[in-house]
Amino acid sequence: MNRDAPRESCIATLEQILKMQTLLASSHLIRNEYPVVCFTSLGLFQALASRVYRAHLRRWDFEPYGICIARCYLEQRGARPVVYGDDQTWQHLSDRERPFFQAKGSTTDVDWRGESEWRCVGDLDMRQLSPRQAFVFVPSADAKQSLALISRWPIIEVEPANLTDHKT
């Protein structure tokens, strides 16, 4: 997301995800353009408290809008941790393993391992995702209220002012 993009675009994206009940895969910034959905295994407050603006990408690495999904649900659908490495690591991966590759970041001065990324190849269908297996998070009561009628999952408010108080 662009630094200057309105917050409305974040909530509009989340609204679309909730209506479709699908996370659409993208090949943007993925080596060999494999279509994947990316996640972090960091705890919600840990991820949000460690937010960094990535100037070279013109966006934040994490936003205070999203959906947390139980790892077991993701694993049942083929999600797994990313393999961080270099070109030599890439060469040793099978075609089946390559969608899960992420460069360590030595050429960009960014160590991507801190994101603890997981990936799922292809779109993620969430129609079978129960309210006990996920929750939606937003930064304000207004955002929570605007999504309440369309979300199958509980919604929690994570106030930006309180994010630095939580490290897990």
N, C-alpha and C. Protein backbone atom coordinates (compact mmCIF):
# COMPACT_ATOMS: atom_id res chain seq x y z
N MET A 1 0.84 -1.17 0.00
CA MET A 1 0.00 0.00 0.00
C MET A 1 0.89 1.24 0.00
N ASN A 2 0.56 2.18 -0.80
CA ASN A 2 1.30 3.43 -0.89
C ASN A 2 1.14 4.21 0.40
N ARG A 3 2.23 4.85 0.85
CA ARG A 3 2.21 5.62 2.10
C ARG A 3 1.10 6.65 2.10
N ASP A 4 0.82 7.23 0.95
CA ASP A 4 -0.18 8.28 0.86
C ASP A 4 -1.57 7.75 0.52
N ALA A 5 -1.70 6.44 0.35
CA ALA A 5 -3.01 5.87 0.01
C ALA A 5 -3.95 6.05 1.20
N PRO A 6 -5.20 6.36 0.92
CA PRO A 6 -6.14 6.55 2.02
C PRO A 6 -6.43 5.24 2.74
N ARG A 7 -6.68 5.34 4.04
CA ARG A 7 -7.02 4.17 4.84
C ARG A 7 -8.26 3.47 4.30
N GLU A 8 -9.10 4.22 3.58
CA GLU A 8 -10.30 3.63 3.02
C GLU A 8 -9.96 2.46 2.09
N SER A 9 -8.79 2.52 1.44
CA SER A 9 -8.43 1.42 0.55
C SER A 9 -8.12 0.15 1.34
N CYS A 10 -7.58 0.29 2.56
CA CYS A 10 -7.33 -0.88 3.40
C CYS A 10 -8.64 -1.54 3.80
N ILE A 11 -9.57 -0.75 4.27
CA ILE A 11 -10.84 -1.32 4.71
C ILE A 11 -11.65 -1.84 3.52
N ALA A 12 -11.53 -1.18 2.37
CA ALA A 12 -12.23 -1.66 1.17
C ALA A 12 -11.69 -3.02 0.74
N THR A 13 -10.38 -3.19 0.83
CA THR A 13 -9.77 -4.48 0.49
C THR A 13 -10.25 -5.55 1.46
N LEU A 14 -10.23 -5.25 2.75
CA LEU A 14 -10.68 -6.21 3.74
C LEU A 14 -12.16 -6.54 3.55
N GLU A 15 -12.96 -5.56 3.24
CA GLU A 15 -14.38 -5.78 2.97
C GLU A 15 -14.56 -6.74 1.79
N GLN A 16 -13.79 -6.54 0.75
CA GLN A 16 -13.88 -7.42 -0.42
C GLN A 16 -13.48 -8.86 -0.07
N ILE A 17 -12.43 -9.01 0.73
CA ILE A 17 -12.00 -10.34 1.18
C ILE A 17 -13.11 -11.01 1.97
N LEU A 18 -13.74 -10.27 2.86
CA LEU A 18 -14.81 -10.84 3.69
C LEU A 18 -16.02 -11.23 2.85
N LYS A 19 -16.34 -10.44 1.86
CA LYS A 19 -17.47 -10.76 0.98
C LYS A 19 -17.17 -11.98 0.11
N MET A 20 -15.97 -12.04 -0.45
CA MET A 20 -15.59 -13.15 -1.33
C MET A 20 -15.26 -14.42 -0.54
N GLN A 21 -14.85 -14.24 0.71
CA GLN A 21 -14.38 -15.34 1.55
C GLN A 21 -13.24 -16.10 0.86
N THR A 22 -12.41 -15.31 0.20
CA THR A 22 -11.26 -15.85 -0.53
C THR A 22 -10.11 -14.85 -0.45
N LEU A 23 -8.91 -15.38 -0.23
CA LEU A 23 -7.70 -14.58 -0.36
C LEU A 23 -7.12 -14.91 -1.73
N LEU A 24 -7.01 -13.91 -2.58
CA LEU A 24 -6.54 -14.11 -3.94
C LEU A 24 -5.02 -14.14 -3.99
N ALA A 25 -4.49 -15.14 -4.65
CA ALA A 25 -3.04 -15.28 -4.79
C ALA A 25 -2.51 -14.20 -5.73
N SER A 26 -1.26 -13.84 -5.50
CA SER A 26 -0.57 -12.88 -6.35
C SER A 26 0.85 -13.38 -6.59
N SER A 27 1.38 -13.04 -7.75
CA SER A 27 2.76 -13.40 -8.06
C SER A 27 3.68 -12.18 -7.94
N HIS A 28 3.11 -11.05 -7.53
CA HIS A 28 3.88 -9.82 -7.40
C HIS A 28 5.02 -10.00 -6.39
N LEU A 29 6.23 -9.70 -6.80
CA LEU A 29 7.44 -9.80 -5.99
C LEU A 29 7.82 -11.23 -5.60
N ILE A 30 7.27 -12.22 -6.30
CA ILE A 30 7.59 -13.62 -6.04
C ILE A 30 8.48 -14.12 -7.17
N ARG A 31 9.61 -14.69 -6.82
CA ARG A 31 10.55 -15.19 -7.83
C ARG A 31 9.86 -16.21 -8.72
N ASN A 32 10.05 -16.09 -10.01
CA ASN A 32 9.43 -16.92 -11.05
C ASN A 32 7.91 -16.77 -11.10
N GLU A 33 7.40 -15.76 -10.43
CA GLU A 33 5.99 -15.38 -10.50
C GLU A 33 5.01 -16.49 -10.15
N TYR A 34 5.32 -17.25 -9.12
CA TYR A 34 4.36 -18.24 -8.62
C TYR A 34 3.22 -17.50 -7.91
N PRO A 35 1.97 -17.84 -8.19
CA PRO A 35 0.85 -17.18 -7.49
C PRO A 35 0.70 -17.76 -6.08
N VAL A 36 0.89 -16.92 -5.07
CA VAL A 36 0.83 -17.36 -3.68
C VAL A 36 0.06 -16.36 -2.83
N VAL A 37 -0.40 -16.84 -1.68
CA VAL A 37 -0.94 -15.97 -0.64
C VAL A 37 0.07 -16.03 0.49
N CYS A 38 0.45 -14.87 1.00
CA CYS A 38 1.50 -14.79 2.03
C CYS A 38 0.90 -14.46 3.39
N PHE A 39 1.50 -15.05 4.41
CA PHE A 39 1.09 -14.86 5.81
C PHE A 39 2.35 -14.64 6.64
N THR A 40 2.15 -14.27 7.89
CA THR A 40 3.24 -14.26 8.85
C THR A 40 2.87 -15.18 10.00
N SER A 41 3.87 -15.82 10.58
CA SER A 41 3.61 -16.63 11.76
C SER A 41 3.84 -15.82 13.04
N LEU A 42 4.18 -14.54 12.88
CA LEU A 42 4.31 -13.67 14.04
C LEU A 42 2.95 -13.48 14.70
N GLY A 43 2.95 -13.27 15.99
CA GLY A 43 1.71 -12.92 16.67
C GLY A 43 1.22 -11.57 16.17
N LEU A 44 -0.08 -11.34 16.27
CA LEU A 44 -0.66 -10.11 15.75
C LEU A 44 0.02 -8.86 16.30
N PHE A 45 0.12 -8.76 17.61
CA PHE A 45 0.69 -7.55 18.19
C PHE A 45 2.18 -7.43 17.91
N GLN A 46 2.87 -8.56 17.83
CA GLN A 46 4.29 -8.53 17.47
C GLN A 46 4.46 -8.01 16.04
N ALA A 47 3.63 -8.49 15.13
CA ALA A 47 3.72 -8.03 13.73
C ALA A 47 3.43 -6.54 13.63
N LEU A 48 2.36 -6.10 14.26
CA LEU A 48 1.98 -4.69 14.16
C LEU A 48 2.96 -3.77 14.87
N ALA A 49 3.51 -4.23 15.99
CA ALA A 49 4.47 -3.40 16.73
C ALA A 49 5.80 -3.27 15.99
N SER A 50 6.08 -4.22 15.11
CA SER A 50 7.35 -4.17 14.37
C SER A 50 7.18 -3.63 12.96
N ARG A 51 6.06 -2.97 12.70
CA ARG A 51 5.80 -2.42 11.36
C ARG A 51 6.95 -1.53 10.90
N VAL A 52 7.27 -1.66 9.61
CA VAL A 52 8.32 -0.86 9.00
C VAL A 52 7.82 -0.38 7.65
N TYR A 53 8.06 0.89 7.37
CA TYR A 53 7.73 1.40 6.04
C TYR A 53 8.85 1.00 5.09
N ARG A 54 8.50 0.28 4.04
CA ARG A 54 9.48 -0.18 3.05
C ARG A 54 9.48 0.81 1.89
N ALA A 55 10.40 1.77 1.96
CA ALA A 55 10.44 2.84 0.96
C ALA A 55 10.60 2.29 -0.46
N HIS A 56 11.41 1.25 -0.62
CA HIS A 56 11.63 0.70 -1.96
C HIS A 56 10.37 0.03 -2.52
N LEU A 57 9.43 -0.33 -1.64
CA LEU A 57 8.15 -0.91 -2.08
C LEU A 57 7.01 0.10 -2.01
N ARG A 58 7.29 1.25 -1.36
CA ARG A 58 6.29 2.30 -1.16
C ARG A 58 5.08 1.82 -0.37
N ARG A 59 5.36 1.03 0.67
CA ARG A 59 4.26 0.54 1.50
C ARG A 59 4.80 0.04 2.84
N TRP A 60 3.87 -0.13 3.77
CA TRP A 60 4.19 -0.72 5.06
C TRP A 60 4.24 -2.23 4.90
N ASP A 61 5.04 -2.89 5.72
CA ASP A 61 5.10 -4.35 5.64
C ASP A 61 3.87 -4.99 6.28
N PHE A 62 3.28 -4.35 7.28
CA PHE A 62 2.06 -4.84 7.91
C PHE A 62 1.10 -3.67 8.09
N GLU A 63 -0.18 -3.94 7.96
CA GLU A 63 -1.21 -2.92 8.16
C GLU A 63 -2.08 -3.34 9.34
N PRO A 64 -2.74 -2.38 10.01
CA PRO A 64 -3.61 -2.74 11.14
C PRO A 64 -5.01 -3.19 10.71
N TYR A 65 -5.10 -3.80 9.53
CA TYR A 65 -6.33 -4.38 9.00
C TYR A 65 -5.99 -5.78 8.51
N GLY A 66 -6.79 -6.77 8.86
CA GLY A 66 -6.50 -8.09 8.33
C GLY A 66 -7.33 -9.18 8.96
N ILE A 67 -6.90 -10.40 8.70
CA ILE A 67 -7.56 -11.57 9.25
C ILE A 67 -6.49 -12.54 9.75
N CYS A 68 -6.66 -12.99 10.97
CA CYS A 68 -5.77 -14.00 11.54
C CYS A 68 -6.45 -15.35 11.36
N ILE A 69 -5.71 -16.31 10.84
CA ILE A 69 -6.25 -17.63 10.52
C ILE A 69 -5.44 -18.68 11.25
N ALA A 70 -6.14 -19.65 11.82
CA ALA A 70 -5.48 -20.74 12.55
C ALA A 70 -4.49 -21.46 11.64
N ARG A 71 -3.31 -21.70 12.17
CA ARG A 71 -2.26 -22.36 11.39
C ARG A 71 -2.71 -23.73 10.89
N CYS A 72 -3.46 -24.48 11.69
CA CYS A 72 -3.89 -25.81 11.25
C CYS A 72 -4.77 -25.73 10.00
N TYR A 73 -5.60 -24.71 9.90
CA TYR A 73 -6.44 -24.52 8.70
C TYR A 73 -5.54 -24.29 7.48
N LEU A 74 -4.54 -23.45 7.67
CA LEU A 74 -3.62 -23.14 6.57
C LEU A 74 -2.81 -24.37 6.17
N GLU A 75 -2.31 -25.10 7.15
CA GLU A 75 -1.50 -26.29 6.85
C GLU A 75 -2.33 -27.33 6.09
N GLN A 76 -3.59 -27.46 6.45
CA GLN A 76 -4.46 -28.42 5.75
C GLN A 76 -4.66 -28.03 4.29
N ARG A 77 -4.39 -26.79 3.96
CA ARG A 77 -4.54 -26.31 2.59
C ARG A 77 -3.19 -26.08 1.92
N GLY A 78 -2.15 -26.67 2.48
CA GLY A 78 -0.85 -26.66 1.84
C GLY A 78 0.08 -25.53 2.21
N ALA A 79 -0.32 -24.67 3.13
CA ALA A 79 0.57 -23.58 3.54
C ALA A 79 1.74 -24.14 4.32
N ARG A 80 2.87 -23.48 4.15
CA ARG A 80 4.06 -23.88 4.90
C ARG A 80 5.05 -22.72 4.98
N PRO A 81 6.03 -22.86 5.86
CA PRO A 81 7.00 -21.76 6.02
C PRO A 81 7.83 -21.55 4.77
N VAL A 82 8.23 -20.32 4.59
CA VAL A 82 9.11 -19.95 3.50
C VAL A 82 10.52 -20.47 3.79
N VAL A 83 11.24 -20.82 2.73
CA VAL A 83 12.64 -21.19 2.82
C VAL A 83 13.44 -19.94 2.45
N TYR A 84 14.17 -19.40 3.41
CA TYR A 84 14.98 -18.22 3.15
C TYR A 84 16.36 -18.67 2.68
N GLY A 85 16.85 -18.04 1.62
CA GLY A 85 18.16 -18.45 1.13
C GLY A 85 18.69 -17.52 0.07
N ASP A 86 19.68 -18.04 -0.66
CA ASP A 86 20.33 -17.28 -1.73
C ASP A 86 20.15 -18.03 -3.05
N ASP A 87 20.85 -17.60 -4.08
CA ASP A 87 20.72 -18.25 -5.39
C ASP A 87 21.08 -19.73 -5.34
N GLN A 88 22.05 -20.07 -4.52
CA GLN A 88 22.44 -21.48 -4.41
C GLN A 88 21.30 -22.30 -3.79
N THR A 89 20.65 -21.74 -2.78
CA THR A 89 19.50 -22.41 -2.17
C THR A 89 18.42 -22.63 -3.22
N TRP A 90 18.13 -21.59 -4.00
CA TRP A 90 17.11 -21.66 -5.05
C TRP A 90 17.41 -22.80 -6.03
N GLN A 91 18.66 -22.90 -6.44
CA GLN A 91 19.05 -23.92 -7.42
C GLN A 91 18.81 -25.34 -6.91
N HIS A 92 18.88 -25.53 -5.60
CA HIS A 92 18.71 -26.87 -5.03
C HIS A 92 17.26 -27.22 -4.71
N LEU A 93 16.35 -26.27 -4.89
CA LEU A 93 14.95 -26.54 -4.60
C LEU A 93 14.26 -27.20 -5.79
N SER A 94 13.35 -28.11 -5.51
CA SER A 94 12.55 -28.72 -6.57
C SER A 94 11.52 -27.71 -7.05
N ASP A 95 10.92 -27.97 -8.20
CA ASP A 95 9.87 -27.08 -8.71
C ASP A 95 8.73 -26.93 -7.71
N ARG A 96 8.45 -27.98 -6.98
CA ARG A 96 7.37 -27.96 -6.00
C ARG A 96 7.70 -27.08 -4.78
N GLU A 97 8.99 -26.96 -4.47
CA GLU A 97 9.43 -26.17 -3.32
C GLU A 97 9.65 -24.70 -3.65
N ARG A 98 9.84 -24.39 -4.92
CA ARG A 98 10.22 -23.03 -5.31
C ARG A 98 9.20 -21.94 -4.97
N PRO A 99 7.90 -22.20 -4.98
CA PRO A 99 6.98 -21.13 -4.58
C PRO A 99 7.19 -20.67 -3.13
N PHE A 100 7.88 -21.47 -2.34
CA PHE A 100 8.10 -21.16 -0.93
C PHE A 100 9.47 -20.53 -0.67
N PHE A 101 10.16 -20.15 -1.72
CA PHE A 101 11.48 -19.54 -1.58
C PHE A 101 11.38 -18.04 -1.41
N GLN A 102 12.21 -17.50 -0.53
CA GLN A 102 12.35 -16.05 -0.37
C GLN A 102 13.82 -15.74 -0.16
N ALA A 103 14.35 -14.83 -0.96
CA ALA A 103 15.74 -14.41 -0.78
C ALA A 103 15.91 -13.82 0.61
N LYS A 104 17.05 -14.11 1.22
CA LYS A 104 17.33 -13.57 2.55
C LYS A 104 17.33 -12.06 2.56
N GLY A 105 17.72 -11.47 1.44
CA GLY A 105 17.69 -10.02 1.36
C GLY A 105 19.05 -9.36 1.35
N SER A 106 20.10 -10.09 1.13
CA SER A 106 21.44 -9.51 1.19
C SER A 106 21.65 -8.41 0.15
N THR A 107 20.93 -8.46 -0.96
CA THR A 107 21.11 -7.44 -1.99
C THR A 107 20.27 -6.20 -1.73
N THR A 108 19.29 -6.27 -0.84
CA THR A 108 18.42 -5.12 -0.59
C THR A 108 18.62 -4.51 0.79
N ASP A 109 19.56 -5.01 1.55
CA ASP A 109 19.79 -4.54 2.92
C ASP A 109 18.59 -4.77 3.83
N VAL A 110 17.70 -5.65 3.43
CA VAL A 110 16.55 -6.01 4.25
C VAL A 110 16.64 -7.50 4.55
N ASP A 111 16.57 -7.84 5.81
CA ASP A 111 16.56 -9.25 6.19
C ASP A 111 15.11 -9.68 6.36
N TRP A 112 14.57 -10.34 5.35
CA TRP A 112 13.16 -10.70 5.32
C TRP A 112 12.80 -11.80 6.31
N ARG A 113 13.79 -12.46 6.89
CA ARG A 113 13.50 -13.55 7.82
C ARG A 113 12.69 -13.09 9.03
N GLY A 114 12.80 -11.83 9.38
CA GLY A 114 12.05 -11.30 10.52
C GLY A 114 10.54 -11.34 10.33
N GLU A 115 10.09 -11.47 9.09
CA GLU A 115 8.65 -11.54 8.83
C GLU A 115 8.07 -12.92 9.11
N SER A 116 8.93 -13.93 9.26
CA SER A 116 8.46 -15.30 9.52
C SER A 116 7.33 -15.69 8.57
N GLU A 117 7.62 -15.55 7.30
CA GLU A 117 6.60 -15.73 6.27
C GLU A 117 6.23 -17.19 6.03
N TRP A 118 4.95 -17.38 5.77
CA TRP A 118 4.39 -18.65 5.30
C TRP A 118 3.69 -18.34 3.98
N ARG A 119 3.54 -19.36 3.15
CA ARG A 119 2.83 -19.17 1.88
C ARG A 119 1.93 -20.35 1.59
N CYS A 120 0.91 -20.04 0.82
CA CYS A 120 -0.02 -21.03 0.29
C CYS A 120 -0.05 -20.80 -1.22
N VAL A 121 0.12 -21.84 -2.00
CA VAL A 121 0.11 -21.70 -3.45
C VAL A 121 -1.34 -21.61 -3.93
N GLY A 122 -1.62 -20.59 -4.72
CA GLY A 122 -2.97 -20.39 -5.25
C GLY A 122 -3.87 -19.66 -4.26
N ASP A 123 -5.10 -19.40 -4.69
CA ASP A 123 -6.08 -18.71 -3.85
C ASP A 123 -6.39 -19.53 -2.61
N LEU A 124 -6.74 -18.85 -1.53
CA LEU A 124 -7.15 -19.53 -0.31
C LEU A 124 -8.65 -19.35 -0.12
N ASP A 125 -9.38 -20.44 -0.24
CA ASP A 125 -10.83 -20.46 -0.04
C ASP A 125 -11.09 -20.49 1.46
N MET A 126 -11.84 -19.52 1.95
CA MET A 126 -12.12 -19.44 3.39
C MET A 126 -13.57 -19.79 3.72
N ARG A 127 -14.29 -20.36 2.77
CA ARG A 127 -15.70 -20.69 3.03
C ARG A 127 -15.86 -21.74 4.12
N GLN A 128 -14.86 -22.59 4.31
CA GLN A 128 -14.93 -23.62 5.34
C GLN A 128 -14.28 -23.17 6.65
N LEU A 129 -13.79 -21.96 6.69
CA LEU A 129 -13.10 -21.42 7.86
C LEU A 129 -14.14 -21.01 8.90
N SER A 130 -14.15 -21.70 10.03
CA SER A 130 -15.16 -21.43 11.06
C SER A 130 -14.81 -20.19 11.87
N PRO A 131 -15.80 -19.62 12.55
CA PRO A 131 -15.54 -18.47 13.42
C PRO A 131 -14.56 -18.78 14.56
N ARG A 132 -14.35 -20.04 14.86
CA ARG A 132 -13.38 -20.42 15.90
C ARG A 132 -11.96 -20.50 15.35
N GLN A 133 -11.82 -20.47 14.03
CA GLN A 133 -10.51 -20.63 13.41
C GLN A 133 -9.92 -19.32 12.90
N ALA A 134 -10.62 -18.22 13.10
CA ALA A 134 -10.12 -16.95 12.57
C ALA A 134 -10.77 -15.77 13.28
N PHE A 135 -10.13 -14.63 13.16
CA PHE A 135 -10.74 -13.37 13.57
C PHE A 135 -10.19 -12.26 12.70
N VAL A 136 -10.98 -11.23 12.57
CA VAL A 136 -10.63 -10.05 11.78
C VAL A 136 -10.13 -8.99 12.76
N PHE A 137 -9.14 -8.21 12.33
CA PHE A 137 -8.67 -7.12 13.18
C PHE A 137 -8.68 -5.81 12.39
N VAL A 138 -9.05 -4.75 13.08
CA VAL A 138 -9.13 -3.41 12.50
C VAL A 138 -8.66 -2.41 13.55
N PRO A 139 -8.28 -1.19 13.13
CA PRO A 139 -7.72 -0.23 14.09
C PRO A 139 -8.72 0.70 14.77
N SER A 140 -10.01 0.57 14.46
CA SER A 140 -10.95 1.52 15.05
C SER A 140 -12.34 0.92 15.22
N ALA A 141 -13.10 1.54 16.11
CA ALA A 141 -14.49 1.12 16.32
C ALA A 141 -15.32 1.36 15.06
N ASP A 142 -15.03 2.44 14.34
CA ASP A 142 -15.77 2.72 13.10
C ASP A 142 -15.54 1.61 12.07
N ALA A 143 -14.30 1.18 11.92
CA ALA A 143 -13.99 0.10 10.98
C ALA A 143 -14.66 -1.20 11.42
N LYS A 144 -14.63 -1.46 12.70
CA LYS A 144 -15.27 -2.67 13.24
C LYS A 144 -16.77 -2.66 12.94
N GLN A 145 -17.40 -1.54 13.17
CA GLN A 145 -18.83 -1.42 12.92
C GLN A 145 -19.16 -1.57 11.44
N SER A 146 -18.33 -1.01 10.58
CA SER A 146 -18.63 -1.08 9.14
C SER A 146 -18.50 -2.49 8.58
N LEU A 147 -17.71 -3.34 9.23
CA LEU A 147 -17.52 -4.72 8.75
C LEU A 147 -18.39 -5.74 9.47
N ALA A 148 -19.00 -5.34 10.57
CA ALA A 148 -19.74 -6.28 11.42
C ALA A 148 -20.84 -7.04 10.68
N LEU A 149 -21.50 -6.41 9.75
CA LEU A 149 -22.61 -7.06 9.06
C LEU A 149 -22.17 -8.05 7.98
N ILE A 150 -20.92 -7.97 7.56
CA ILE A 150 -20.49 -8.86 6.48
C ILE A 150 -19.48 -9.92 6.93
N SER A 151 -18.97 -9.81 8.14
CA SER A 151 -17.95 -10.75 8.59
C SER A 151 -18.55 -11.97 9.27
N ARG A 152 -18.15 -13.14 8.85
CA ARG A 152 -18.53 -14.39 9.52
C ARG A 152 -17.68 -14.62 10.77
N TRP A 153 -16.58 -13.90 10.85
CA TRP A 153 -15.61 -14.11 11.92
C TRP A 153 -15.67 -12.96 12.92
N PRO A 154 -15.29 -13.23 14.16
CA PRO A 154 -15.26 -12.16 15.16
C PRO A 154 -14.31 -11.04 14.70
N ILE A 155 -14.61 -9.83 15.13
CA ILE A 155 -13.78 -8.68 14.78
C ILE A 155 -13.26 -8.06 16.07
N ILE A 156 -11.96 -7.82 16.11
CA ILE A 156 -11.38 -7.14 17.27
C ILE A 156 -10.78 -5.81 16.81
N GLU A 157 -10.78 -4.89 17.74
CA GLU A 157 -10.20 -3.58 17.48
C GLU A 157 -8.80 -3.55 18.08
N VAL A 158 -7.82 -3.22 17.27
CA VAL A 158 -6.44 -3.07 17.75
C VAL A 158 -6.08 -1.60 17.60
N GLU A 159 -6.20 -0.89 18.69
CA GLU A 159 -5.95 0.54 18.65
C GLU A 159 -4.47 0.81 18.42
N PRO A 160 -4.14 1.58 17.39
CA PRO A 160 -2.74 1.87 17.08
C PRO A 160 -1.95 2.41 18.27
N ALA A 161 -2.59 3.20 19.12
CA ALA A 161 -1.88 3.77 20.27
C ALA A 161 -1.43 2.68 21.24
N ASN A 162 -2.10 1.54 21.24
CA ASN A 162 -1.78 0.46 22.17
C ASN A 162 -0.84 -0.59 21.59
N LEU A 163 -0.49 -0.47 20.33
CA LEU A 163 0.29 -1.52 19.69
C LEU A 163 1.66 -1.70 20.32
N THR A 164 2.29 -0.63 20.74
CA THR A 164 3.63 -0.77 21.31
C THR A 164 3.59 -1.38 22.71
N ASP A 165 2.41 -1.46 23.32
CA ASP A 165 2.29 -2.06 24.64
C ASP A 165 2.30 -3.58 24.59
N HIS A 166 2.10 -4.17 23.40
CA HIS A 166 2.00 -5.61 23.25
C HIS A 166 3.18 -6.11 22.42
N LYS A 167 3.92 -7.05 22.92
CA LYS A 167 5.08 -7.57 22.20
C LYS A 167 4.90 -9.02 21.77
N THR A 168 3.74 -9.62 22.03
CA THR A 168 3.54 -11.02 21.63
C THR A 168 2.36 -11.15 20.72
